[in-house]
Amino acid sequence: MRSPFKFLTKLRWTPRDIAGRMAAARRRGTGAYLNDWQFVRDATSAAATNVDDMLEPIVHWCRETVAGTRRPCGISQFDLVVAVHGTGGEPRSLLFEHRSPNELYGAESLVQALRRFLESHALGPTTRVSVALFSWGDAAHRALPADARPA
């Protein structure tokens, strides 16, 4: 099987060059996507906000965002940070690093880990959820010189 990075050797790049360009792209915010949601419990209901009601828009946004990212040389991984702040509680966060888009689907997946996190920390009448998604593919695309970027 051919390496998807073989073309980089023709550019005479070293792993250090590639890492430096990727780090610079990340510092510039290339490939960073942010979103916030605020969930409010119905005042007439004694039940807490349903976790599925919170999970659905977050996962939908993640799937749509990842679907719109670049994937040069097959680089499709992403990082995801989810922060939850409920009324009167301390903010909590969860980090997923170098994840595959396939992990946004399936029974035992990142979605299930996110569900458990929300069940544990999304308490109170008002819950704010902030999500940051970083696309390694977008950063890789930006790190390549314009004439070396895959179409």
Protein backbone atom coordinates (compact mmCIF):
# COMPACT_ATOMS: atom_id res chain seq x y z
CA MET A 1 0.00 0.00 0.00
CA ARG A 2 1.34 3.42 -0.93
CA SER A 3 1.76 6.05 1.73
CA PRO A 4 -0.53 9.07 1.31
CA PHE A 5 2.39 11.22 2.48
CA LYS A 6 4.81 10.12 -0.26
CA PHE A 7 4.37 13.39 -2.14
CA LEU A 8 5.79 15.25 0.88
CA THR A 9 9.18 13.62 0.34
CA LYS A 10 9.24 15.11 -3.15
CA LEU A 11 8.94 18.51 -1.48
CA ARG A 12 11.95 17.52 0.66
CA TRP A 13 10.09 18.14 3.86
CA THR A 14 11.28 16.63 7.07
CA PRO A 15 8.90 15.49 9.82
CA ARG A 16 10.04 18.56 11.78
CA ASP A 17 9.02 20.86 8.89
CA ILE A 18 5.59 19.25 8.70
CA ALA A 19 5.09 19.42 12.49
CA GLY A 20 6.10 23.09 12.53
CA ARG A 21 3.68 23.99 9.75
CA MET A 22 0.86 22.06 11.44
CA ALA A 23 1.54 23.78 14.79
CA ALA A 24 1.54 27.20 13.12
CA ALA A 25 -1.78 26.46 11.36
CA ARG A 26 -3.31 25.34 14.65
CA ARG A 27 -2.11 28.47 16.48
CA ARG A 28 -3.75 30.60 13.78
CA GLY A 29 -7.03 28.82 14.47
CA THR A 30 -7.14 27.02 11.14
CA GLY A 31 -9.59 24.16 11.45
CA ALA A 32 -11.16 25.40 14.70
CA TYR A 33 -14.96 25.44 14.91
CA LEU A 34 -16.96 26.62 17.92
CA ASN A 35 -20.59 26.44 18.99
CA ASP A 36 -22.65 27.01 22.16
CA TRP A 37 -26.05 25.85 23.33
CA GLN A 38 -28.12 26.81 26.31
CA PHE A 39 -30.69 24.31 27.54
CA VAL A 40 -33.42 25.41 29.95
CA ARG A 41 -35.62 23.03 31.88
CA ASP A 42 -39.32 23.60 31.43
CA ALA A 43 -40.48 25.45 34.57
CA THR A 44 -43.70 23.40 34.67
CA SER A 45 -41.81 20.11 34.61
CA ALA A 46 -40.10 18.62 37.63
CA ALA A 47 -37.92 16.47 35.38
CA ALA A 48 -34.45 17.64 34.44
CA THR A 49 -33.67 18.47 30.84
CA ASN A 50 -33.62 15.25 28.84
CA VAL A 51 -30.04 14.35 27.92
CA ASP A 52 -31.19 13.25 24.45
CA ASP A 53 -32.60 16.76 23.88
CA MET A 54 -29.12 18.13 24.56
CA LEU A 55 -27.18 15.42 22.78
CA GLU A 56 -29.06 15.55 19.46
CA PRO A 57 -28.16 19.13 18.37
CA ILE A 58 -24.57 18.77 19.58
CA VAL A 59 -23.96 15.52 17.69
CA HIS A 60 -25.73 16.86 14.60
CA TRP A 61 -23.50 19.95 14.61
CA CYS A 62 -20.37 17.80 15.06
CA ARG A 63 -21.34 15.50 12.18
CA GLU A 64 -22.16 18.42 9.87
CA THR A 65 -18.97 20.27 10.80
CA VAL A 66 -16.71 17.25 10.32
CA ALA A 67 -18.42 16.47 7.01
CA GLY A 68 -17.48 19.93 5.75
CA THR A 69 -13.79 19.73 6.65
CA ARG A 70 -10.91 19.04 4.31
CA ARG A 71 -9.23 15.64 4.31
CA PRO A 72 -5.95 15.94 2.44
CA CYS A 73 -4.05 12.66 2.09
CA GLY A 74 -6.80 10.95 4.08
CA ILE A 75 -6.24 13.04 7.23
CA SER A 76 -9.74 13.09 8.69
CA GLN A 77 -9.10 13.10 12.44
CA PHE A 78 -10.48 15.76 14.73
CA ASP A 79 -10.21 16.83 18.36
CA LEU A 80 -13.32 17.71 20.33
CA VAL A 81 -13.64 19.59 23.61
CA VAL A 82 -17.02 19.73 25.33
CA ALA A 83 -17.56 22.06 28.29
CA VAL A 84 -20.68 21.98 30.46
CA HIS A 85 -21.73 24.59 32.97
CA GLY A 86 -24.91 24.00 34.93
CA THR A 87 -26.59 26.46 37.25
CA GLY A 88 -24.60 26.77 40.47
CA GLY A 89 -22.04 24.13 39.52
CA GLU A 90 -18.43 24.23 38.49
CA PRO A 91 -17.75 24.01 34.75
CA ARG A 92 -16.63 20.57 33.59
CA SER A 93 -14.97 19.61 30.34
CA LEU A 94 -14.14 16.50 28.37
CA LEU A 95 -11.48 16.16 25.67
CA PHE A 96 -11.50 13.70 22.79
CA GLU A 97 -8.24 13.68 20.82
CA HIS A 98 -7.43 12.39 17.33
CA ARG A 99 -10.86 10.90 16.72
CA SER A 100 -12.19 9.46 13.47
CA PRO A 101 -15.43 10.76 11.90
CA ASN A 102 -16.79 7.19 12.17
CA GLU A 103 -16.78 7.61 15.96
CA LEU A 104 -19.70 10.03 15.63
CA TYR A 105 -21.83 7.02 14.65
CA GLY A 106 -22.45 3.59 16.16
CA ALA A 107 -23.56 2.12 19.46
CA GLU A 108 -20.23 2.16 21.32
CA SER A 109 -18.87 5.45 20.20
CA LEU A 110 -17.81 8.93 21.11
CA VAL A 111 -21.53 9.76 21.20
CA GLN A 112 -22.08 7.32 24.06
CA ALA A 113 -19.14 8.78 26.00
CA LEU A 114 -20.61 12.24 25.44
CA ARG A 115 -24.01 10.99 26.67
CA ARG A 116 -22.46 9.67 29.89
CA PHE A 117 -20.63 12.98 30.39
CA LEU A 118 -23.82 15.01 29.95
CA GLU A 119 -25.77 12.70 32.27
CA SER A 120 -23.15 13.25 34.97
CA HIS A 121 -22.62 16.99 34.61
CA ALA A 122 -25.59 18.65 32.89
CA LEU A 123 -27.50 19.43 36.07
CA GLY A 124 -29.70 22.33 37.09
CA PRO A 125 -32.50 24.33 35.51
CA THR A 126 -30.13 25.91 32.96
CA THR A 127 -27.21 24.16 31.30
CA ARG A 128 -24.77 25.78 28.91
CA VAL A 129 -22.76 23.52 26.61
CA SER A 130 -19.81 24.82 24.59
CA VAL A 131 -18.08 22.72 21.96
CA ALA A 132 -14.79 23.28 20.15
CA LEU A 133 -13.88 21.03 17.26
CA PHE A 134 -10.45 21.06 15.65
CA SER A 135 -9.98 19.47 12.22
CA TRP A 136 -6.51 18.03 11.66
CA GLY A 137 -7.32 17.80 7.94
CA ASP A 138 -8.03 21.55 7.70
CA ALA A 139 -4.76 22.30 9.49
CA ALA A 140 -2.85 19.90 7.23
CA HIS A 141 -4.36 21.49 4.14
CA ARG A 142 -3.34 24.94 5.35
CA ALA A 143 0.15 23.72 6.25
CA LEU A 144 0.85 22.57 2.70
CA PRO A 145 2.19 25.06 0.18
CA ALA A 146 -0.54 26.10 -2.25
CA ASP A 147 1.07 24.28 -5.17
CA ALA A 148 1.33 21.02 -3.19
CA ARG A 149 -2.25 20.90 -1.86
CA PRO A 150 -4.40 18.07 -3.15
CA ALA A 151 -7.42 19.25 -5.13
